[in-house]
Amino acid sequence: MIHVCSLSKVEETVTRTGAERLLSLLAAGTEVTRPASIARENHLHLVMHDIAVAQEGMTMPGEEHVRSLLDFARRWDRARPLVVHCYAGISRSTASAY
């Protein structure tokens, strides 16, 4: 099962769901602390801004992000949940989970 949340709810959501994998979709400079229960190899952190049109100094989601996300998802055995989050939990994360 996939659970979507905001950055502020990562630790709580991972604990509540028993997730073993974490996908973080955050702008450059936004830090996320990987919960201790998530192994380093089970955490993918993609750096992108929440934009649909290119803007100077910002990173648009792109093909390489999608490839990395799909590779990460293919390695998930679905035995335990996956948590997907962005800053607010309503745009990048929901699009990625879908």
PDB file of N, CA and C in Angstrom:
ATOM      1  N   MET A   1       0.839  -1.168   0.000  1.00  0.00           N
ATOM      2  CA  MET A   1       0.000   0.000   0.000  1.00  0.00           C
ATOM      3  C   MET A   1       0.893   1.243   0.000  1.00  0.00           C
ATOM      4  N   ILE A   2       0.416   2.274  -0.651  1.00  0.00           N
ATOM      5  CA  ILE A   2       1.130   3.549  -0.714  1.00  0.00           C
ATOM      6  C   ILE A   2       0.408   4.553   0.171  1.00  0.00           C
ATOM      7  N   HIS A   3       1.170   5.252   0.999  1.00  0.00           N
ATOM      8  CA  HIS A   3       0.634   6.304   1.862  1.00  0.00           C
ATOM      9  C   HIS A   3       1.292   7.619   1.462  1.00  0.00           C
ATOM     10  N   VAL A   4       0.494   8.667   1.332  1.00  0.00           N
ATOM     11  CA  VAL A   4       0.968   9.996   0.941  1.00  0.00           C
ATOM     12  C   VAL A   4       0.833  10.927   2.130  1.00  0.00           C
ATOM     13  N   CYS A   5       1.861  11.746   2.356  1.00  0.00           N
ATOM     14  CA  CYS A   5       1.806  12.695   3.469  1.00  0.00           C
ATOM     15  C   CYS A   5       2.688  13.901   3.177  1.00  0.00           C
ATOM     16  N   SER A   6       2.646  14.852   4.082  1.00  0.00           N
ATOM     17  CA  SER A   6       3.500  16.042   4.005  1.00  0.00           C
ATOM     18  C   SER A   6       4.825  15.765   4.703  1.00  0.00           C
ATOM     19  N   LEU A   7       5.782  16.649   4.498  1.00  0.00           N
ATOM     20  CA  LEU A   7       7.076  16.540   5.160  1.00  0.00           C
ATOM     21  C   LEU A   7       6.915  16.490   6.675  1.00  0.00           C
ATOM     22  N   SER A   8       6.023  17.293   7.209  1.00  0.00           N
ATOM     23  CA  SER A   8       5.850  17.360   8.664  1.00  0.00           C
ATOM     24  C   SER A   8       5.267  16.078   9.257  1.00  0.00           C
ATOM     25  N   LYS A   9       4.710  15.211   8.433  1.00  0.00           N
ATOM     26  CA  LYS A   9       4.073  13.977   8.922  1.00  0.00           C
ATOM     27  C   LYS A   9       4.850  12.709   8.557  1.00  0.00           C
ATOM     28  N   VAL A  10       6.059  12.848   8.039  1.00  0.00           N
ATOM     29  CA  VAL A  10       6.819  11.676   7.594  1.00  0.00           C
ATOM     30  C   VAL A  10       7.040  10.680   8.726  1.00  0.00           C
ATOM     31  N   GLU A  11       7.635  11.116   9.810  1.00  0.00           N
ATOM     32  CA  GLU A  11       7.950  10.201  10.916  1.00  0.00           C
ATOM     33  C   GLU A  11       6.684   9.513  11.424  1.00  0.00           C
ATOM     34  N   GLU A  12       5.646  10.290  11.651  1.00  0.00           N
ATOM     35  CA  GLU A  12       4.373   9.751  12.150  1.00  0.00           C
ATOM     36  C   GLU A  12       3.776   8.729  11.176  1.00  0.00           C
ATOM     37  N   THR A  13       3.793   9.040   9.889  1.00  0.00           N
ATOM     38  CA  THR A  13       3.197   8.149   8.890  1.00  0.00           C
ATOM     39  C   THR A  13       3.993   6.863   8.746  1.00  0.00           C
ATOM     40  N   VAL A  14       5.305   6.960   8.730  1.00  0.00           N
ATOM     41  CA  VAL A  14       6.150   5.765   8.647  1.00  0.00           C
ATOM     42  C   VAL A  14       5.901   4.871   9.858  1.00  0.00           C
ATOM     43  N   THR A  15       5.845   5.452  11.043  1.00  0.00           N
ATOM     44  CA  THR A  15       5.621   4.677  12.266  1.00  0.00           C
ATOM     45  C   THR A  15       4.239   4.032  12.261  1.00  0.00           C
ATOM     46  N   ARG A  16       3.223   4.820  11.942  1.00  0.00           N
ATOM     47  CA  ARG A  16       1.831   4.335  11.982  1.00  0.00           C
ATOM     48  C   ARG A  16       1.581   3.218  10.970  1.00  0.00           C
ATOM     49  N   THR A  17       2.202   3.309   9.801  1.00  0.00           N
ATOM     50  CA  THR A  17       1.938   2.341   8.733  1.00  0.00           C
ATOM     51  C   THR A  17       2.900   1.163   8.717  1.00  0.00           C
ATOM     52  N   GLY A  18       4.036   1.290   9.397  1.00  0.00           N
ATOM     53  CA  GLY A  18       5.051   0.247   9.345  1.00  0.00           C
ATOM     54  C   GLY A  18       5.779   0.212   8.008  1.00  0.00           C
ATOM     55  N   ALA A  19       5.818   1.350   7.334  1.00  0.00           N
ATOM     56  CA  ALA A  19       6.446   1.428   6.010  1.00  0.00           C
ATOM     57  C   ALA A  19       7.922   1.062   6.072  1.00  0.00           C
ATOM     58  N   GLU A  20       8.412   0.478   4.975  1.00  0.00           N
ATOM     59  CA  GLU A  20       9.835   0.156   4.878  1.00  0.00           C
ATOM     60  C   GLU A  20      10.526   0.932   3.768  1.00  0.00           C
ATOM     61  N   ARG A  21       9.752   1.677   2.969  1.00  0.00           N
ATOM     62  CA  ARG A  21      10.327   2.466   1.879  1.00  0.00           C
ATOM     63  C   ARG A  21       9.781   3.880   1.950  1.00  0.00           C
ATOM     64  N   LEU A  22      10.627   4.840   1.519  1.00  0.00           N
ATOM     65  CA  LEU A  22      10.268   6.252   1.587  1.00  0.00           C
ATOM     66  C   LEU A  22      10.724   6.954   0.314  1.00  0.00           C
ATOM     67  N   LEU A  23       9.801   7.697  -0.292  1.00  0.00           N
ATOM     68  CA  LEU A  23      10.101   8.521  -1.457  1.00  0.00           C
ATOM     69  C   LEU A  23       9.893   9.971  -1.076  1.00  0.00           C
ATOM     70  N   SER A  24      10.962  10.769  -1.133  1.00  0.00           N
ATOM     71  CA  SER A  24      10.923  12.193  -0.788  1.00  0.00           C
ATOM     72  C   SER A  24      11.071  13.016  -2.058  1.00  0.00           C
ATOM     73  N   LEU A  25      10.147  13.963  -2.267  1.00  0.00           N
ATOM     74  CA  LEU A  25      10.142  14.827  -3.453  1.00  0.00           C
ATOM     75  C   LEU A  25      10.165  16.262  -2.968  1.00  0.00           C
ATOM     76  N   LEU A  26      11.361  16.842  -2.898  1.00  0.00           N
ATOM     77  CA  LEU A  26      11.518  18.145  -2.254  1.00  0.00           C
ATOM     78  C   LEU A  26      12.389  19.086  -3.078  1.00  0.00           C
ATOM     79  N   ALA A  27      12.182  20.366  -2.871  1.00  0.00           N
ATOM     80  CA  ALA A  27      13.006  21.385  -3.514  1.00  0.00           C
ATOM     81  C   ALA A  27      14.422  21.336  -2.947  1.00  0.00           C
ATOM     82  N   ALA A  28      15.375  21.787  -3.742  1.00  0.00           N
ATOM     83  CA  ALA A  28      16.758  21.874  -3.285  1.00  0.00           C
ATOM     84  C   ALA A  28      16.816  22.698  -2.010  1.00  0.00           C
ATOM     85  N   GLY A  29      17.568  22.216  -1.044  1.00  0.00           N
ATOM     86  CA  GLY A  29      17.726  22.930   0.212  1.00  0.00           C
ATOM     87  C   GLY A  29      16.717  22.557   1.278  1.00  0.00           C
ATOM     88  N   THR A  30      15.683  21.805   0.910  1.00  0.00           N
ATOM     89  CA  THR A  30      14.707  21.346   1.901  1.00  0.00           C
ATOM     90  C   THR A  30      15.187  20.007   2.429  1.00  0.00           C
ATOM     91  N   GLU A  31      15.469  19.953   3.698  1.00  0.00           N
ATOM     92  CA  GLU A  31      16.027  18.750   4.307  1.00  0.00           C
ATOM     93  C   GLU A  31      14.931  17.814   4.800  1.00  0.00           C
ATOM     94  N   VAL A  32      15.224  16.538   4.732  1.00  0.00           N
ATOM     95  CA  VAL A  32      14.347  15.519   5.310  1.00  0.00           C
ATOM     96  C   VAL A  32      15.228  14.580   6.115  1.00  0.00           C
ATOM     97  N   THR A  33      14.772  14.230   7.289  1.00  0.00           N
ATOM     98  CA  THR A  33      15.477  13.259   8.115  1.00  0.00           C
ATOM     99  C   THR A  33      14.846  11.899   7.874  1.00  0.00           C
ATOM    100  N   ARG A  34      15.636  10.959   7.404  1.00  0.00           N
ATOM    101  CA  ARG A  34      15.149   9.610   7.159  1.00  0.00           C
ATOM    102  C   ARG A  34      14.863   8.938   8.492  1.00  0.00           C
ATOM    103  N   PRO A  35      13.633   8.449   8.687  1.00  0.00           N
ATOM    104  CA  PRO A  35      13.332   7.749   9.934  1.00  0.00           C
ATOM    105  C   PRO A  35      14.270   6.557  10.121  1.00  0.00           C
ATOM    106  N   ALA A  36      14.616   6.263  11.349  1.00  0.00           N
ATOM    107  CA  ALA A  36      15.559   5.182  11.653  1.00  0.00           C
ATOM    108  C   ALA A  36      15.073   3.833  11.135  1.00  0.00           C
ATOM    109  N   SER A  37      13.777   3.649  11.026  1.00  0.00           N
ATOM    110  CA  SER A  37      13.228   2.365  10.571  1.00  0.00           C
ATOM    111  C   SER A  37      13.327   2.172   9.054  1.00  0.00           C
ATOM    112  N   ILE A  38      13.730   3.211   8.333  1.00  0.00           N
ATOM    113  CA  ILE A  38      13.880   3.130   6.874  1.00  0.00           C
ATOM    114  C   ILE A  38      15.365   2.988   6.549  1.00  0.00           C
ATOM    115  N   ALA A  39      15.731   1.865   5.948  1.00  0.00           N
ATOM    116  CA  ALA A  39      17.127   1.655   5.549  1.00  0.00           C
ATOM    117  C   ALA A  39      17.506   2.659   4.459  1.00  0.00           C
ATOM    118  N   ARG A  40      18.756   3.075   4.461  1.00  0.00           N
ATOM    119  CA  ARG A  40      19.239   4.061   3.485  1.00  0.00           C
ATOM    120  C   ARG A  40      18.886   3.653   2.048  1.00  0.00           C
ATOM    121  N   GLU A  41      19.061   2.377   1.718  1.00  0.00           N
ATOM    122  CA  GLU A  41      18.783   1.926   0.348  1.00  0.00           C
ATOM    123  C   GLU A  41      17.287   1.889   0.018  1.00  0.00           C
ATOM    124  N   ASN A  42      16.449   2.065   1.024  1.00  0.00           N
ATOM    125  CA  ASN A  42      14.998   2.096   0.823  1.00  0.00           C
ATOM    126  C   ASN A  42      14.437   3.514   0.847  1.00  0.00           C
ATOM    127  N   HIS A  43      15.318   4.508   0.717  1.00  0.00           N
ATOM    128  CA  HIS A  43      14.885   5.910   0.692  1.00  0.00           C
ATOM    129  C   HIS A  43      15.405   6.562  -0.584  1.00  0.00           C
ATOM    130  N   LEU A  44      14.479   7.056  -1.394  1.00  0.00           N
ATOM    131  CA  LEU A  44      14.846   7.808  -2.593  1.00  0.00           C
ATOM    132  C   LEU A  44      14.449   9.255  -2.379  1.00  0.00           C
ATOM    133  N   HIS A  45      15.423  10.157  -2.515  1.00  0.00           N
ATOM    134  CA  HIS A  45      15.176  11.596  -2.354  1.00  0.00           C
ATOM    135  C   HIS A  45      15.415  12.255  -3.705  1.00  0.00           C
ATOM    136  N   LEU A  46      14.337  12.698  -4.333  1.00  0.00           N
ATOM    137  CA  LEU A  46      14.432  13.392  -5.618  1.00  0.00           C
ATOM    138  C   LEU A  46      14.279  14.887  -5.387  1.00  0.00           C
ATOM    139  N   VAL A  47      15.173  15.657  -5.998  1.00  0.00           N
ATOM    140  CA  VAL A  47      15.163  17.115  -5.824  1.00  0.00           C
ATOM    141  C   VAL A  47      14.488  17.760  -7.027  1.00  0.00           C
ATOM    142  N   MET A  48      13.382  18.449  -6.750  1.00  0.00           N
ATOM    143  CA  MET A  48      12.628  19.166  -7.781  1.00  0.00           C
ATOM    144  C   MET A  48      11.733  20.186  -7.105  1.00  0.00           C
ATOM    145  N   HIS A  49      11.400  21.209  -7.839  1.00  0.00           N
ATOM    146  CA  HIS A  49      10.467  22.208  -7.320  1.00  0.00           C
ATOM    147  C   HIS A  49       9.051  21.873  -7.781  1.00  0.00           C
ATOM    148  N   ASP A  50       8.080  22.411  -7.106  1.00  0.00           N
ATOM    149  CA  ASP A  50       6.671  22.190  -7.436  1.00  0.00           C
ATOM    150  C   ASP A  50       6.240  23.225  -8.474  1.00  0.00           C
ATOM    151  N   ILE A  51       6.724  23.031  -9.708  1.00  0.00           N
ATOM    152  CA  ILE A  51       6.427  23.961 -10.805  1.00  0.00           C
ATOM    153  C   ILE A  51       6.054  23.168 -12.055  1.00  0.00           C
ATOM    154  N   ALA A  52       5.253  23.779 -12.913  1.00  0.00           N
ATOM    155  CA  ALA A  52       4.859  23.149 -14.174  1.00  0.00           C
ATOM    156  C   ALA A  52       5.477  23.858 -15.375  1.00  0.00           C
ATOM    157  N   VAL A  53       6.025  25.041 -15.141  1.00  0.00           N
ATOM    158  CA  VAL A  53       6.664  25.836 -16.190  1.00  0.00           C
ATOM    159  C   VAL A  53       8.069  26.183 -15.711  1.00  0.00           C
ATOM    160  N   ALA A  54       9.047  26.031 -16.596  1.00  0.00           N
ATOM    161  CA  ALA A  54      10.435  26.315 -16.231  1.00  0.00           C
ATOM    162  C   ALA A  54      10.587  27.730 -15.678  1.00  0.00           C
ATOM    163  N   GLN A  55      11.351  27.821 -14.585  1.00  0.00           N
ATOM    164  CA  GLN A  55      11.658  29.105 -13.967  1.00  0.00           C
ATOM    165  C   GLN A  55      13.139  29.109 -13.618  1.00  0.00           C
ATOM    166  N   GLU A  56      13.777  30.237 -13.820  1.00  0.00           N
ATOM    167  CA  GLU A  56      15.204  30.351 -13.552  1.00  0.00           C
ATOM    168  C   GLU A  56      15.511  29.995 -12.100  1.00  0.00           C
ATOM    169  N   GLY A  57      16.537  29.167 -11.923  1.00  0.00           N
ATOM    170  CA  GLY A  57      16.980  28.789 -10.591  1.00  0.00           C
ATOM    171  C   GLY A  57      16.162  27.679  -9.954  1.00  0.00           C
ATOM    172  N   MET A  58      15.194  27.130 -10.683  1.00  0.00           N
ATOM    173  CA  MET A  58      14.349  26.067 -10.138  1.00  0.00           C
ATOM    174  C   MET A  58      14.463  24.824 -11.019  1.00  0.00           C
ATOM    175  N   THR A  59      14.254  23.670 -10.410  1.00  0.00           N
ATOM    176  CA  THR A  59      14.333  22.400 -11.120  1.00  0.00           C
ATOM    177  C   THR A  59      12.934  21.862 -11.358  1.00  0.00           C
ATOM    178  N   MET A  60      12.575  21.747 -12.626  1.00  0.00           N
ATOM    179  CA  MET A  60      11.282  21.152 -12.978  1.00  0.00           C
ATOM    180  C   MET A  60      11.367  19.637 -12.862  1.00  0.00           C
ATOM    181  N   PRO A  61      10.269  18.981 -12.495  1.00  0.00           N
ATOM    182  CA  PRO A  61      10.246  17.520 -12.587  1.00  0.00           C
ATOM    183  C   PRO A  61      10.503  17.130 -14.040  1.00  0.00           C
ATOM    184  N   GLY A  62      11.304  16.103 -14.234  1.00  0.00           N
ATOM    185  CA  GLY A  62      11.659  15.724 -15.597  1.00  0.00           C
ATOM    186  C   GLY A  62      11.730  14.224 -15.790  1.00  0.00           C
ATOM    187  N   GLU A  63      12.125  13.852 -16.979  1.00  0.00           N
ATOM    188  CA  GLU A  63      12.183  12.443 -17.364  1.00  0.00           C
ATOM    189  C   GLU A  63      13.098  11.631 -16.450  1.00  0.00           C
ATOM    190  N   GLU A  64      14.233  12.176 -16.077  1.00  0.00           N
ATOM    191  CA  GLU A  64      15.160  11.445 -15.203  1.00  0.00           C
ATOM    192  C   GLU A  64      14.539  11.200 -13.827  1.00  0.00           C
ATOM    193  N   HIS A  65      13.779  12.164 -13.326  1.00  0.00           N
ATOM    194  CA  HIS A  65      13.071  11.964 -12.056  1.00  0.00           C
ATOM    195  C   HIS A  65      12.089  10.798 -12.177  1.00  0.00           C
ATOM    196  N   VAL A  66      11.347  10.782 -13.273  1.00  0.00           N
ATOM    197  CA  VAL A  66      10.351   9.720 -13.487  1.00  0.00           C
ATOM    198  C   VAL A  66      11.038   8.364 -13.585  1.00  0.00           C
ATOM    199  N   ARG A  67      12.137   8.296 -14.308  1.00  0.00           N
ATOM    200  CA  ARG A  67      12.874   7.026 -14.421  1.00  0.00           C
ATOM    201  C   ARG A  67      13.360   6.542 -13.060  1.00  0.00           C
ATOM    202  N   SER A  68      13.929   7.440 -12.267  1.00  0.00           N
ATOM    203  CA  SER A  68      14.413   7.066 -10.934  1.00  0.00           C
ATOM    204  C   SER A  68      13.271   6.584 -10.057  1.00  0.00           C
ATOM    205  N   LEU A  69      12.151   7.285 -10.114  1.00  0.00           N
ATOM    206  CA  LEU A  69      10.979   6.912  -9.323  1.00  0.00           C
ATOM    207  C   LEU A  69      10.475   5.526  -9.729  1.00  0.00           C
ATOM    208  N   LEU A  70      10.362   5.276 -11.030  1.00  0.00           N
ATOM    209  CA  LEU A  70       9.880   3.973 -11.498  1.00  0.00           C
ATOM    210  C   LEU A  70      10.847   2.851 -11.134  1.00  0.00           C
ATOM    211  N   ASP A  71      12.145   3.082 -11.247  1.00  0.00           N
ATOM    212  CA  ASP A  71      13.136   2.077 -10.839  1.00  0.00           C
ATOM    213  C   ASP A  71      13.000   1.762  -9.356  1.00  0.00           C
ATOM    214  N   PHE A  72      12.830   2.798  -8.549  1.00  0.00           N
ATOM    215  CA  PHE A  72      12.656   2.628  -7.106  1.00  0.00           C
ATOM    216  C   PHE A  72      11.397   1.812  -6.822  1.00  0.00           C
ATOM    217  N   ALA A  73      10.310   2.129  -7.484  1.00  0.00           N
ATOM    218  CA  ALA A  73       9.042   1.420  -7.276  1.00  0.00           C
ATOM    219  C   ALA A  73       9.136  -0.039  -7.721  1.00  0.00           C
ATOM    220  N   ARG A  74       9.856  -0.302  -8.778  1.00  0.00           N
ATOM    221  CA  ARG A  74       9.998  -1.684  -9.263  1.00  0.00           C
ATOM    222  C   ARG A  74      10.758  -2.563  -8.279  1.00  0.00           C
ATOM    223  N   ARG A  75      11.622  -1.973  -7.482  1.00  0.00           N
ATOM    224  CA  ARG A  75      12.386  -2.740  -6.486  1.00  0.00           C
ATOM    225  C   ARG A  75      11.586  -2.982  -5.203  1.00  0.00           C
ATOM    226  N   TRP A  76      10.420  -2.387  -5.084  1.00  0.00           N
ATOM    227  CA  TRP A  76       9.564  -2.524  -3.906  1.00  0.00           C
ATOM    228  C   TRP A  76       8.778  -3.831  -4.020  1.00  0.00           C
ATOM    229  N   ASP A  77       8.908  -4.717  -3.041  1.00  0.00           N
ATOM    230  CA  ASP A  77       8.220  -6.013  -3.101  1.00  0.00           C
ATOM    231  C   ASP A  77       6.772  -5.954  -2.603  1.00  0.00           C
ATOM    232  N   ARG A  78       6.346  -4.810  -2.124  1.00  0.00           N
ATOM    233  CA  ARG A  78       4.980  -4.562  -1.657  1.00  0.00           C
ATOM    234  C   ARG A  78       4.599  -5.356  -0.407  1.00  0.00           C
ATOM    235  N   ALA A  79       5.578  -5.950   0.261  1.00  0.00           N
ATOM    236  CA  ALA A  79       5.301  -6.670   1.503  1.00  0.00           C
ATOM    237  C   ALA A  79       4.930  -5.704   2.626  1.00  0.00           C
ATOM    238  N   ARG A  80       5.533  -4.527   2.609  1.00  0.00           N
ATOM    239  CA  ARG A  80       5.236  -3.483   3.598  1.00  0.00           C
ATOM    240  C   ARG A  80       5.029  -2.170   2.856  1.00  0.00           C
ATOM    241  N   PRO A  81       4.340  -1.217   3.478  1.00  0.00           N
ATOM    242  CA  PRO A  81       3.974   0.028   2.790  1.00  0.00           C
ATOM    243  C   PRO A  81       5.158   0.886   2.336  1.00  0.00           C
ATOM    244  N   LEU A  82       4.821   1.755   1.396  1.00  0.00           N
ATOM    245  CA  LEU A  82       5.711   2.788   0.872  1.00  0.00           C
ATOM    246  C   LEU A  82       5.088   4.132   1.221  1.00  0.00           C
ATOM    247  N   VAL A  83       5.876   5.047   1.772  1.00  0.00           N
ATOM    248  CA  VAL A  83       5.408   6.405   2.055  1.00  0.00           C
ATOM    249  C   VAL A  83       6.011   7.337   1.016  1.00  0.00           C
ATOM    250  N   VAL A  84       5.145   8.160   0.422  1.00  0.00           N
ATOM    251  CA  VAL A  84       5.545   9.161  -0.565  1.00  0.00           C
ATOM    252  C   VAL A  84       5.198  10.519   0.017  1.00  0.00           C
ATOM    253  N   HIS A  85       6.155  11.446   0.004  1.00  0.00           N
ATOM    254  CA  HIS A  85       5.858  12.772   0.542  1.00  0.00           C
ATOM    255  C   HIS A  85       6.565  13.856  -0.243  1.00  0.00           C
ATOM    256  N   CYS A  86       5.968  15.030  -0.183  1.00  0.00           N
ATOM    257  CA  CYS A  86       6.593  16.256  -0.659  1.00  0.00           C
ATOM    258  C   CYS A  86       6.459  17.247   0.498  1.00  0.00           C
ATOM    259  N   TYR A  87       6.581  18.518   0.233  1.00  0.00           N
ATOM    260  CA  TYR A  87       6.507  19.479   1.338  1.00  0.00           C
ATOM    261  C   TYR A  87       5.106  19.536   1.941  1.00  0.00           C
ATOM    262  N   ALA A  88       4.091  19.694   1.096  1.00  0.00           N
ATOM    263  CA  ALA A  88       2.713  19.843   1.590  1.00  0.00           C
ATOM    264  C   ALA A  88       1.905  18.556   1.515  1.00  0.00           C
ATOM    265  N   GLY A  89       2.347  17.597   0.726  1.00  0.00           N
ATOM    266  CA  GLY A  89       1.620  16.336   0.605  1.00  0.00           C
ATOM    267  C   GLY A  89       0.424  16.399  -0.325  1.00  0.00           C
ATOM    268  N   ILE A  90       0.411  17.382  -1.248  1.00  0.00           N
ATOM    269  CA  ILE A  90      -0.765  17.521  -2.110  1.00  0.00           C
ATOM    270  C   ILE A  90      -0.458  17.637  -3.601  1.00  0.00           C
ATOM    271  N   SER A  91       0.778  17.741  -3.996  1.00  0.00           N
ATOM    272  CA  SER A  91       1.054  17.946  -5.420  1.00  0.00           C
ATOM    273  C   SER A  91       2.060  16.924  -5.942  1.00  0.00           C
ATOM    274  N   ARG A  92       3.337  17.130  -5.699  1.00  0.00           N
ATOM    275  CA  ARG A  92       4.347  16.204  -6.201  1.00  0.00           C
ATOM    276  C   ARG A  92       4.119  14.793  -5.682  1.00  0.00           C
ATOM    277  N   SER A  93       3.784  14.673  -4.397  1.00  0.00           N
ATOM    278  CA  SER A  93       3.615  13.344  -3.804  1.00  0.00           C
ATOM    279  C   SER A  93       2.405  12.614  -4.363  1.00  0.00           C
ATOM    280  N   THR A  94       1.270  13.298  -4.491  1.00  0.00           N
ATOM    281  CA  THR A  94       0.082  12.619  -5.015  1.00  0.00           C
ATOM    282  C   THR A  94       0.267  12.255  -6.486  1.00  0.00           C
ATOM    283  N   ALA A  95       0.899  13.119  -7.257  1.00  0.00           N
ATOM    284  CA  ALA A  95       1.160  12.808  -8.668  1.00  0.00           C
ATOM    285  C   ALA A  95       2.084  11.597  -8.778  1.00  0.00           C
ATOM    286  N   SER A  96       3.087  11.517  -7.935  1.00  0.00           N
ATOM    287  CA  SER A  96       4.032  10.402  -7.970  1.00  0.00           C
ATOM    288  C   SER A  96       3.390   9.102  -7.513  1.00  0.00           C
ATOM    289  N   ALA A  97       2.547   9.179  -6.510  1.00  0.00           N
ATOM    290  CA  ALA A  97       1.879   7.981  -6.003  1.00  0.00           C
ATOM    291  C   ALA A  97       0.920   7.403  -7.030  1.00  0.00           C
ATOM    292  N   TYR A  98       0.320   8.285  -7.808  1.00  0.00           N
ATOM    293  CA  TYR A  98      -0.658   7.843  -8.800  1.00  0.00           C
ATOM    294  C   TYR A  98       0.029   7.058  -9.892  1.00  0.00           C
TER     295      TYR A  98
END
